[in-house]
Amino acid sequence: MPNIKSAIKRVRVTKTKNLQNRMVKSSVKTVLKKFDAAVATGDAAQVESMLRIASGAVDKAVGKGVIHKNAANRKKAQLARRAAAAKA
């Protein structure tokens, strides 16, 4: 445990930020699992709507600084490929 006042505050702030980041990551993972479930059903309309929702969730995570921009673009490209394969 740190003794210096600023170090004590850093520990406190880091703990809060870590919790917020975990919440955002968890919600993104949940949306991605829902997308996977939609792909498994094969309903094209549901896949399309879940693709939009999942892409938005990933973009929001980028905006909050939780995941990197390039990782988000890669994830969205993977989602789009899976959606296209599900339609075909």
PDB file of N, CA and C in Angstrom:
ATOM      1  N   MET A   1       0.847  -1.186   0.000  1.00  0.00           N
ATOM      2  CA  MET A   1       0.000   0.000   0.000  1.00  0.00           C
ATOM      3  C   MET A   1       0.887   1.241   0.000  1.00  0.00           C
ATOM      4  N   PRO A   2       0.638   2.166  -0.886  1.00  0.00           N
ATOM      5  CA  PRO A   2       1.490   3.361  -0.953  1.00  0.00           C
ATOM      6  C   PRO A   2       1.274   4.296   0.235  1.00  0.00           C
ATOM      7  N   ASN A   3       2.306   5.071   0.525  1.00  0.00           N
ATOM      8  CA  ASN A   3       2.251   6.031   1.626  1.00  0.00           C
ATOM      9  C   ASN A   3       2.058   7.464   1.133  1.00  0.00           C
ATOM     10  N   ILE A   4       2.481   7.732  -0.094  1.00  0.00           N
ATOM     11  CA  ILE A   4       2.417   9.090  -0.619  1.00  0.00           C
ATOM     12  C   ILE A   4       0.985   9.391  -1.064  1.00  0.00           C
ATOM     13  N   LYS A   5       0.550  10.610  -0.794  1.00  0.00           N
ATOM     14  CA  LYS A   5      -0.834  10.995  -1.045  1.00  0.00           C
ATOM     15  C   LYS A   5      -1.237  10.819  -2.508  1.00  0.00           C
ATOM     16  N   SER A   6      -0.383  11.241  -3.427  1.00  0.00           N
ATOM     17  CA  SER A   6      -0.719  11.129  -4.849  1.00  0.00           C
ATOM     18  C   SER A   6      -0.761   9.662  -5.287  1.00  0.00           C
ATOM     19  N   ALA A   7       0.103   8.832  -4.704  1.00  0.00           N
ATOM     20  CA  ALA A   7       0.111   7.407  -5.049  1.00  0.00           C
ATOM     21  C   ALA A   7      -1.145   6.722  -4.523  1.00  0.00           C
ATOM     22  N   ILE A   8      -1.611   7.150  -3.359  1.00  0.00           N
ATOM     23  CA  ILE A   8      -2.851   6.606  -2.798  1.00  0.00           C
ATOM     24  C   ILE A   8      -4.019   6.936  -3.721  1.00  0.00           C
ATOM     25  N   LYS A   9      -4.037   8.177  -4.211  1.00  0.00           N
ATOM     26  CA  LYS A   9      -5.096   8.584  -5.126  1.00  0.00           C
ATOM     27  C   LYS A   9      -5.018   7.800  -6.430  1.00  0.00           C
ATOM     28  N   ARG A  10      -3.817   7.576  -6.945  1.00  0.00           N
ATOM     29  CA  ARG A  10      -3.663   6.821  -8.188  1.00  0.00           C
ATOM     30  C   ARG A  10      -4.244   5.423  -8.035  1.00  0.00           C
ATOM     31  N   VAL A  11      -4.005   4.802  -6.885  1.00  0.00           N
ATOM     32  CA  VAL A  11      -4.547   3.459  -6.644  1.00  0.00           C
ATOM     33  C   VAL A  11      -6.074   3.506  -6.687  1.00  0.00           C
ATOM     34  N   ARG A  12      -6.646   4.514  -6.055  1.00  0.00           N
ATOM     35  CA  ARG A  12      -8.095   4.658  -6.002  1.00  0.00           C
ATOM     36  C   ARG A  12      -8.673   4.899  -7.406  1.00  0.00           C
ATOM     37  N   VAL A  13      -8.060   5.807  -8.147  1.00  0.00           N
ATOM     38  CA  VAL A  13      -8.533   6.137  -9.493  1.00  0.00           C
ATOM     39  C   VAL A  13      -8.377   4.941 -10.425  1.00  0.00           C
ATOM     40  N   THR A  14      -7.259   4.248 -10.322  1.00  0.00           N
ATOM     41  CA  THR A  14      -7.009   3.089 -11.177  1.00  0.00           C
ATOM     42  C   THR A  14      -8.053   2.001 -10.930  1.00  0.00           C
ATOM     43  N   LYS A  15      -8.400   1.807  -9.687  1.00  0.00           N
ATOM     44  CA  LYS A  15      -9.403   0.797  -9.351  1.00  0.00           C
ATOM     45  C   LYS A  15     -10.749   1.146  -9.998  1.00  0.00           C
ATOM     46  N   THR A  16     -11.130   2.413  -9.934  1.00  0.00           N
ATOM     47  CA  THR A  16     -12.405   2.848 -10.514  1.00  0.00           C
ATOM     48  C   THR A  16     -12.393   2.703 -12.029  1.00  0.00           C
ATOM     49  N   LYS A  17     -11.316   3.157 -12.665  1.00  0.00           N
ATOM     50  CA  LYS A  17     -11.202   3.073 -14.116  1.00  0.00           C
ATOM     51  C   LYS A  17     -11.205   1.620 -14.580  1.00  0.00           C
ATOM     52  N   ASN A  18     -10.514   0.768 -13.830  1.00  0.00           N
ATOM     53  CA  ASN A  18     -10.448  -0.645 -14.169  1.00  0.00           C
ATOM     54  C   ASN A  18     -11.847  -1.250 -14.150  1.00  0.00           C
ATOM     55  N   LEU A  19     -12.641  -0.889 -13.155  1.00  0.00           N
ATOM     56  CA  LEU A  19     -14.010  -1.389 -13.064  1.00  0.00           C
ATOM     57  C   LEU A  19     -14.844  -0.903 -14.243  1.00  0.00           C
ATOM     58  N   GLN A  20     -14.709   0.380 -14.601  1.00  0.00           N
ATOM     59  CA  GLN A  20     -15.460   0.925 -15.736  1.00  0.00           C
ATOM     60  C   GLN A  20     -15.069   0.239 -17.043  1.00  0.00           C
ATOM     61  N   ASN A  21     -13.766   0.020 -17.226  1.00  0.00           N
ATOM     62  CA  ASN A  21     -13.297  -0.640 -18.447  1.00  0.00           C
ATOM     63  C   ASN A  21     -13.813  -2.068 -18.531  1.00  0.00           C
ATOM     64  N   ARG A  22     -13.817  -2.774 -17.393  1.00  0.00           N
ATOM     65  CA  ARG A  22     -14.316  -4.149 -17.378  1.00  0.00           C
ATOM     66  C   ARG A  22     -15.802  -4.187 -17.712  1.00  0.00           C
ATOM     67  N   MET A  23     -16.559  -3.201 -17.235  1.00  0.00           N
ATOM     68  CA  MET A  23     -17.988  -3.152 -17.534  1.00  0.00           C
ATOM     69  C   MET A  23     -18.221  -2.969 -19.031  1.00  0.00           C
ATOM     70  N   VAL A  24     -17.444  -2.089 -19.646  1.00  0.00           N
ATOM     71  CA  VAL A  24     -17.602  -1.840 -21.084  1.00  0.00           C
ATOM     72  C   VAL A  24     -17.218  -3.086 -21.876  1.00  0.00           C
ATOM     73  N   LYS A  25     -16.095  -3.715 -21.517  1.00  0.00           N
ATOM     74  CA  LYS A  25     -15.658  -4.921 -22.221  1.00  0.00           C
ATOM     75  C   LYS A  25     -16.686  -6.033 -22.085  1.00  0.00           C
ATOM     76  N   SER A  26     -17.247  -6.160 -20.898  1.00  0.00           N
ATOM     77  CA  SER A  26     -18.245  -7.196 -20.650  1.00  0.00           C
ATOM     78  C   SER A  26     -19.492  -6.971 -21.494  1.00  0.00           C
ATOM     79  N   SER A  27     -19.933  -5.726 -21.590  1.00  0.00           N
ATOM     80  CA  SER A  27     -21.130  -5.449 -22.390  1.00  0.00           C
ATOM     81  C   SER A  27     -20.863  -5.710 -23.870  1.00  0.00           C
ATOM     82  N   VAL A  28     -19.658  -5.405 -24.345  1.00  0.00           N
ATOM     83  CA  VAL A  28     -19.311  -5.680 -25.743  1.00  0.00           C
ATOM     84  C   VAL A  28     -19.333  -7.190 -25.983  1.00  0.00           C
ATOM     85  N   LYS A  29     -18.756  -7.950 -25.055  1.00  0.00           N
ATOM     86  CA  LYS A  29     -18.737  -9.409 -25.208  1.00  0.00           C
ATOM     87  C   LYS A  29     -20.152  -9.969 -25.227  1.00  0.00           C
ATOM     88  N   THR A  30     -21.038  -9.411 -24.406  1.00  0.00           N
ATOM     89  CA  THR A  30     -22.425  -9.865 -24.381  1.00  0.00           C
ATOM     90  C   THR A  30     -23.104  -9.620 -25.718  1.00  0.00           C
ATOM     91  N   VAL A  31     -22.894  -8.444 -26.282  1.00  0.00           N
ATOM     92  CA  VAL A  31     -23.499  -8.122 -27.583  1.00  0.00           C
ATOM     93  C   VAL A  31     -22.947  -9.053 -28.662  1.00  0.00           C
ATOM     94  N   LEU A  32     -21.648  -9.356 -28.595  1.00  0.00           N
ATOM     95  CA  LEU A  32     -21.051 -10.249 -29.591  1.00  0.00           C
ATOM     96  C   LEU A  32     -21.618 -11.659 -29.465  1.00  0.00           C
ATOM     97  N   LYS A  33     -21.889 -12.099 -28.244  1.00  0.00           N
ATOM     98  CA  LYS A  33     -22.502 -13.423 -28.061  1.00  0.00           C
ATOM     99  C   LYS A  33     -23.923 -13.437 -28.625  1.00  0.00           C
ATOM    100  N   LYS A  34     -24.653 -12.322 -28.464  1.00  0.00           N
ATOM    101  CA  LYS A  34     -25.994 -12.239 -29.031  1.00  0.00           C
ATOM    102  C   LYS A  34     -25.927 -12.268 -30.556  1.00  0.00           C
ATOM    103  N   PHE A  35     -24.899 -11.628 -31.125  1.00  0.00           N
ATOM    104  CA  PHE A  35     -24.709 -11.674 -32.575  1.00  0.00           C
ATOM    105  C   PHE A  35     -24.460 -13.106 -33.027  1.00  0.00           C
ATOM    106  N   ASP A  36     -23.602 -13.826 -32.287  1.00  0.00           N
ATOM    107  CA  ASP A  36     -23.323 -15.229 -32.620  1.00  0.00           C
ATOM    108  C   ASP A  36     -24.596 -16.068 -32.572  1.00  0.00           C
ATOM    109  N   ALA A  37     -25.440 -15.810 -31.580  1.00  0.00           N
ATOM    110  CA  ALA A  37     -26.696 -16.551 -31.471  1.00  0.00           C
ATOM    111  C   ALA A  37     -27.600 -16.242 -32.659  1.00  0.00           C
ATOM    112  N   ALA A  38     -27.619 -14.989 -33.107  1.00  0.00           N
ATOM    113  CA  ALA A  38     -28.425 -14.612 -34.263  1.00  0.00           C
ATOM    114  C   ALA A  38     -27.911 -15.293 -35.526  1.00  0.00           C
ATOM    115  N   VAL A  39     -26.591 -15.390 -35.659  1.00  0.00           N
ATOM    116  CA  VAL A  39     -26.001 -16.066 -36.819  1.00  0.00           C
ATOM    117  C   VAL A  39     -26.368 -17.549 -36.788  1.00  0.00           C
ATOM    118  N   ALA A  40     -26.384 -18.134 -35.584  1.00  0.00           N
ATOM    119  CA  ALA A  40     -26.706 -19.556 -35.459  1.00  0.00           C
ATOM    120  C   ALA A  40     -28.154 -19.839 -35.871  1.00  0.00           C
ATOM    121  N   THR A  41     -29.064 -18.897 -35.591  1.00  0.00           N
ATOM    122  CA  THR A  41     -30.460 -19.112 -35.981  1.00  0.00           C
ATOM    123  C   THR A  41     -30.632 -19.002 -37.489  1.00  0.00           C
ATOM    124  N   GLY A  42     -29.847 -18.144 -38.125  1.00  0.00           N
ATOM    125  CA  GLY A  42     -29.910 -18.004 -39.574  1.00  0.00           C
ATOM    126  C   GLY A  42     -30.938 -17.001 -40.061  1.00  0.00           C
ATOM    127  N   ASP A  43     -31.589 -16.294 -39.155  1.00  0.00           N
ATOM    128  CA  ASP A  43     -32.568 -15.274 -39.538  1.00  0.00           C
ATOM    129  C   ASP A  43     -31.819 -14.042 -40.046  1.00  0.00           C
ATOM    130  N   ALA A  44     -31.956 -13.751 -41.351  1.00  0.00           N
ATOM    131  CA  ALA A  44     -31.167 -12.689 -41.983  1.00  0.00           C
ATOM    132  C   ALA A  44     -31.477 -11.314 -41.401  1.00  0.00           C
ATOM    133  N   ALA A  45     -32.737 -11.046 -41.108  1.00  0.00           N
ATOM    134  CA  ALA A  45     -33.109  -9.732 -40.572  1.00  0.00           C
ATOM    135  C   ALA A  45     -32.517  -9.532 -39.180  1.00  0.00           C
ATOM    136  N   GLN A  46     -32.569 -10.593 -38.379  1.00  0.00           N
ATOM    137  CA  GLN A  46     -32.016 -10.492 -37.025  1.00  0.00           C
ATOM    138  C   GLN A  46     -30.499 -10.341 -37.072  1.00  0.00           C
ATOM    139  N   VAL A  47     -29.852 -11.049 -37.988  1.00  0.00           N
ATOM    140  CA  VAL A  47     -28.396 -10.952 -38.125  1.00  0.00           C
ATOM    141  C   VAL A  47     -28.010  -9.525 -38.500  1.00  0.00           C
ATOM    142  N   GLU A  48     -28.772  -8.936 -39.423  1.00  0.00           N
ATOM    143  CA  GLU A  48     -28.472  -7.574 -39.876  1.00  0.00           C
ATOM    144  C   GLU A  48     -28.621  -6.560 -38.743  1.00  0.00           C
ATOM    145  N   SER A  49     -29.685  -6.694 -37.961  1.00  0.00           N
ATOM    146  CA  SER A  49     -29.894  -5.743 -36.857  1.00  0.00           C
ATOM    147  C   SER A  49     -28.846  -5.949 -35.763  1.00  0.00           C
ATOM    148  N   MET A  50     -28.499  -7.192 -35.482  1.00  0.00           N
ATOM    149  CA  MET A  50     -27.479  -7.454 -34.463  1.00  0.00           C
ATOM    150  C   MET A  50     -26.097  -6.994 -34.930  1.00  0.00           C
ATOM    151  N   LEU A  51     -25.854  -7.041 -36.240  1.00  0.00           N
ATOM    152  CA  LEU A  51     -24.586  -6.540 -36.776  1.00  0.00           C
ATOM    153  C   LEU A  51     -24.467  -5.046 -36.522  1.00  0.00           C
ATOM    154  N   ARG A  52     -25.561  -4.309 -36.761  1.00  0.00           N
ATOM    155  CA  ARG A  52     -25.552  -2.870 -36.500  1.00  0.00           C
ATOM    156  C   ARG A  52     -25.320  -2.581 -35.019  1.00  0.00           C
ATOM    157  N   ILE A  53     -26.003  -3.322 -34.155  1.00  0.00           N
ATOM    158  CA  ILE A  53     -25.871  -3.108 -32.710  1.00  0.00           C
ATOM    159  C   ILE A  53     -24.455  -3.446 -32.247  1.00  0.00           C
ATOM    160  N   ALA A  54     -23.915  -4.563 -32.754  1.00  0.00           N
ATOM    161  CA  ALA A  54     -22.572  -4.989 -32.348  1.00  0.00           C
ATOM    162  C   ALA A  54     -21.516  -3.998 -32.819  1.00  0.00           C
ATOM    163  N   SER A  55     -21.654  -3.504 -34.054  1.00  0.00           N
ATOM    164  CA  SER A  55     -20.696  -2.518 -34.557  1.00  0.00           C
ATOM    165  C   SER A  55     -20.740  -1.243 -33.725  1.00  0.00           C
ATOM    166  N   GLY A  56     -21.930  -0.833 -33.341  1.00  0.00           N
ATOM    167  CA  GLY A  56     -22.076   0.348 -32.496  1.00  0.00           C
ATOM    168  C   GLY A  56     -21.446   0.158 -31.131  1.00  0.00           C
ATOM    169  N   ALA A  57     -21.625  -1.030 -30.561  1.00  0.00           N
ATOM    170  CA  ALA A  57     -21.050  -1.305 -29.239  1.00  0.00           C
ATOM    171  C   ALA A  57     -19.526  -1.278 -29.299  1.00  0.00           C
ATOM    172  N   VAL A  58     -18.972  -1.834 -30.365  1.00  0.00           N
ATOM    173  CA  VAL A  58     -17.514  -1.845 -30.527  1.00  0.00           C
ATOM    174  C   VAL A  58     -17.004  -0.414 -30.702  1.00  0.00           C
ATOM    175  N   ASP A  59     -17.726   0.388 -31.492  1.00  0.00           N
ATOM    176  CA  ASP A  59     -17.317   1.780 -31.699  1.00  0.00           C
ATOM    177  C   ASP A  59     -17.380   2.583 -30.399  1.00  0.00           C
ATOM    178  N   LYS A  60     -18.388   2.324 -29.580  1.00  0.00           N
ATOM    179  CA  LYS A  60     -18.489   3.017 -28.300  1.00  0.00           C
ATOM    180  C   LYS A  60     -17.319   2.652 -27.389  1.00  0.00           C
ATOM    181  N   ALA A  61     -16.908   1.388 -27.428  1.00  0.00           N
ATOM    182  CA  ALA A  61     -15.764   0.965 -26.620  1.00  0.00           C
ATOM    183  C   ALA A  61     -14.492   1.675 -27.070  1.00  0.00           C
ATOM    184  N   VAL A  62     -14.371   1.905 -28.381  1.00  0.00           N
ATOM    185  CA  VAL A  62     -13.219   2.654 -28.897  1.00  0.00           C
ATOM    186  C   VAL A  62     -13.274   4.089 -28.400  1.00  0.00           C
ATOM    187  N   GLY A  63     -14.455   4.671 -28.441  1.00  0.00           N
ATOM    188  CA  GLY A  63     -14.619   6.052 -28.001  1.00  0.00           C
ATOM    189  C   GLY A  63     -14.268   6.239 -26.541  1.00  0.00           C
ATOM    190  N   LYS A  64     -14.495   5.211 -25.741  1.00  0.00           N
ATOM    191  CA  LYS A  64     -14.173   5.292 -24.324  1.00  0.00           C
ATOM    192  C   LYS A  64     -12.727   4.897 -24.046  1.00  0.00           C
ATOM    193  N   GLY A  65     -12.016   4.476 -25.094  1.00  0.00           N
ATOM    194  CA  GLY A  65     -10.608   4.144 -24.930  1.00  0.00           C
ATOM    195  C   GLY A  65     -10.364   2.768 -24.355  1.00  0.00           C
ATOM    196  N   VAL A  66     -11.362   1.901 -24.414  1.00  0.00           N
ATOM    197  CA  VAL A  66     -11.227   0.575 -23.820  1.00  0.00           C
ATOM    198  C   VAL A  66     -10.515  -0.377 -24.765  1.00  0.00           C
ATOM    199  N   ILE A  67     -10.834  -0.308 -26.057  1.00  0.00           N
ATOM    200  CA  ILE A  67     -10.127  -1.133 -27.030  1.00  0.00           C
ATOM    201  C   ILE A  67      -9.537  -0.228 -28.108  1.00  0.00           C
ATOM    202  N   HIS A  68      -8.524  -0.733 -28.772  1.00  0.00           N
ATOM    203  CA  HIS A  68      -7.810   0.046 -29.782  1.00  0.00           C
ATOM    204  C   HIS A  68      -8.639   0.141 -31.058  1.00  0.00           C
ATOM    205  N   LYS A  69      -8.444   1.229 -31.769  1.00  0.00           N
ATOM    206  CA  LYS A  69      -9.189   1.505 -33.003  1.00  0.00           C
ATOM    207  C   LYS A  69      -8.992   0.397 -34.031  1.00  0.00           C
ATOM    208  N   ASN A  70      -7.769  -0.055 -34.205  1.00  0.00           N
ATOM    209  CA  ASN A  70      -7.493  -1.093 -35.201  1.00  0.00           C
ATOM    210  C   ASN A  70      -8.111  -2.426 -34.800  1.00  0.00           C
ATOM    211  N   ALA A  71      -8.087  -2.729 -33.521  1.00  0.00           N
ATOM    212  CA  ALA A  71      -8.705  -3.970 -33.043  1.00  0.00           C
ATOM    213  C   ALA A  71     -10.211  -3.930 -33.280  1.00  0.00           C
ATOM    214  N   ALA A  72     -10.804  -2.764 -33.105  1.00  0.00           N
ATOM    215  CA  ALA A  72     -12.242  -2.613 -33.332  1.00  0.00           C
ATOM    216  C   ALA A  72     -12.568  -2.772 -34.815  1.00  0.00           C
ATOM    217  N   ASN A  73     -11.762  -2.186 -35.676  1.00  0.00           N
ATOM    218  CA  ASN A  73     -11.989  -2.325 -37.117  1.00  0.00           C
ATOM    219  C   ASN A  73     -11.856  -3.780 -37.548  1.00  0.00           C
ATOM    220  N   ARG A  74     -10.886  -4.477 -36.982  1.00  0.00           N
ATOM    221  CA  ARG A  74     -10.699  -5.897 -37.286  1.00  0.00           C
ATOM    222  C   ARG A  74     -11.920  -6.700 -36.828  1.00  0.00           C
ATOM    223  N   LYS A  75     -12.410  -6.401 -35.631  1.00  0.00           N
ATOM    224  CA  LYS A  75     -13.566  -7.109 -35.087  1.00  0.00           C
ATOM    225  C   LYS A  75     -14.808  -6.857 -35.949  1.00  0.00           C
ATOM    226  N   LYS A  76     -14.997  -5.601 -36.380  1.00  0.00           N
ATOM    227  CA  LYS A  76     -16.161  -5.278 -37.207  1.00  0.00           C
ATOM    228  C   LYS A  76     -16.075  -5.972 -38.569  1.00  0.00           C
ATOM    229  N   ALA A  77     -14.868  -6.089 -39.110  1.00  0.00           N
ATOM    230  CA  ALA A  77     -14.698  -6.784 -40.387  1.00  0.00           C
ATOM    231  C   ALA A  77     -15.030  -8.271 -40.230  1.00  0.00           C
ATOM    232  N   GLN A  78     -14.624  -8.857 -39.116  1.00  0.00           N
ATOM    233  CA  GLN A  78     -14.946 -10.260 -38.854  1.00  0.00           C
ATOM    234  C   GLN A  78     -16.451 -10.454 -38.733  1.00  0.00           C
ATOM    235  N   LEU A  79     -17.102  -9.536 -38.045  1.00  0.00           N
ATOM    236  CA  LEU A  79     -18.553  -9.615 -37.882  1.00  0.00           C
ATOM    237  C   LEU A  79     -19.245  -9.520 -39.246  1.00  0.00           C
ATOM    238  N   ALA A  80     -18.781  -8.587 -40.079  1.00  0.00           N
ATOM    239  CA  ALA A  80     -19.385  -8.396 -41.395  1.00  0.00           C
ATOM    240  C   ALA A  80     -19.206  -9.643 -42.259  1.00  0.00           C
ATOM    241  N   ARG A  81     -18.045 -10.260 -42.182  1.00  0.00           N
ATOM    242  CA  ARG A  81     -17.800 -11.491 -42.947  1.00  0.00           C
ATOM    243  C   ARG A  81     -18.745 -12.609 -42.499  1.00  0.00           C
ATOM    244  N   ARG A  82     -18.909 -12.751 -41.183  1.00  0.00           N
ATOM    245  CA  ARG A  82     -19.784 -13.794 -40.657  1.00  0.00           C
ATOM    246  C   ARG A  82     -21.247 -13.511 -41.021  1.00  0.00           C
ATOM    247  N   ALA A  83     -21.632 -12.243 -41.023  1.00  0.00           N
ATOM    248  CA  ALA A  83     -23.003 -11.879 -41.390  1.00  0.00           C
ATOM    249  C   ALA A  83     -23.252 -12.194 -42.865  1.00  0.00           C
ATOM    250  N   ALA A  84     -22.274 -11.886 -43.705  1.00  0.00           N
ATOM    251  CA  ALA A  84     -22.411 -12.158 -45.140  1.00  0.00           C
ATOM    252  C   ALA A  84     -22.489 -13.662 -45.395  1.00  0.00           C
ATOM    253  N   ALA A  85     -21.697 -14.429 -44.655  1.00  0.00           N
ATOM    254  CA  ALA A  85     -21.716 -15.891 -44.814  1.00  0.00           C
ATOM    255  C   ALA A  85     -23.045 -16.463 -44.338  1.00  0.00           C
ATOM    256  N   ALA A  86     -23.630 -15.856 -43.314  1.00  0.00           N
ATOM    257  CA  ALA A  86     -24.905 -16.342 -42.782  1.00  0.00           C
ATOM    258  C   ALA A  86     -26.034 -16.070 -43.778  1.00  0.00           C
ATOM    259  N   LYS A  87     -25.941 -14.967 -44.512  1.00  0.00           N
ATOM    260  CA  LYS A  87     -26.977 -14.645 -45.509  1.00  0.00           C
ATOM    261  C   LYS A  87     -26.918 -15.597 -46.695  1.00  0.00           C
ATOM    262  N   ALA A  88     -25.700 -15.982 -47.070  1.00  0.00           N
ATOM    263  CA  ALA A  88     -25.521 -16.822 -48.267  1.00  0.00           C
ATOM    264  C   ALA A  88     -25.914 -18.276 -48.030  1.00  0.00           C
TER     265      ALA A  88
END
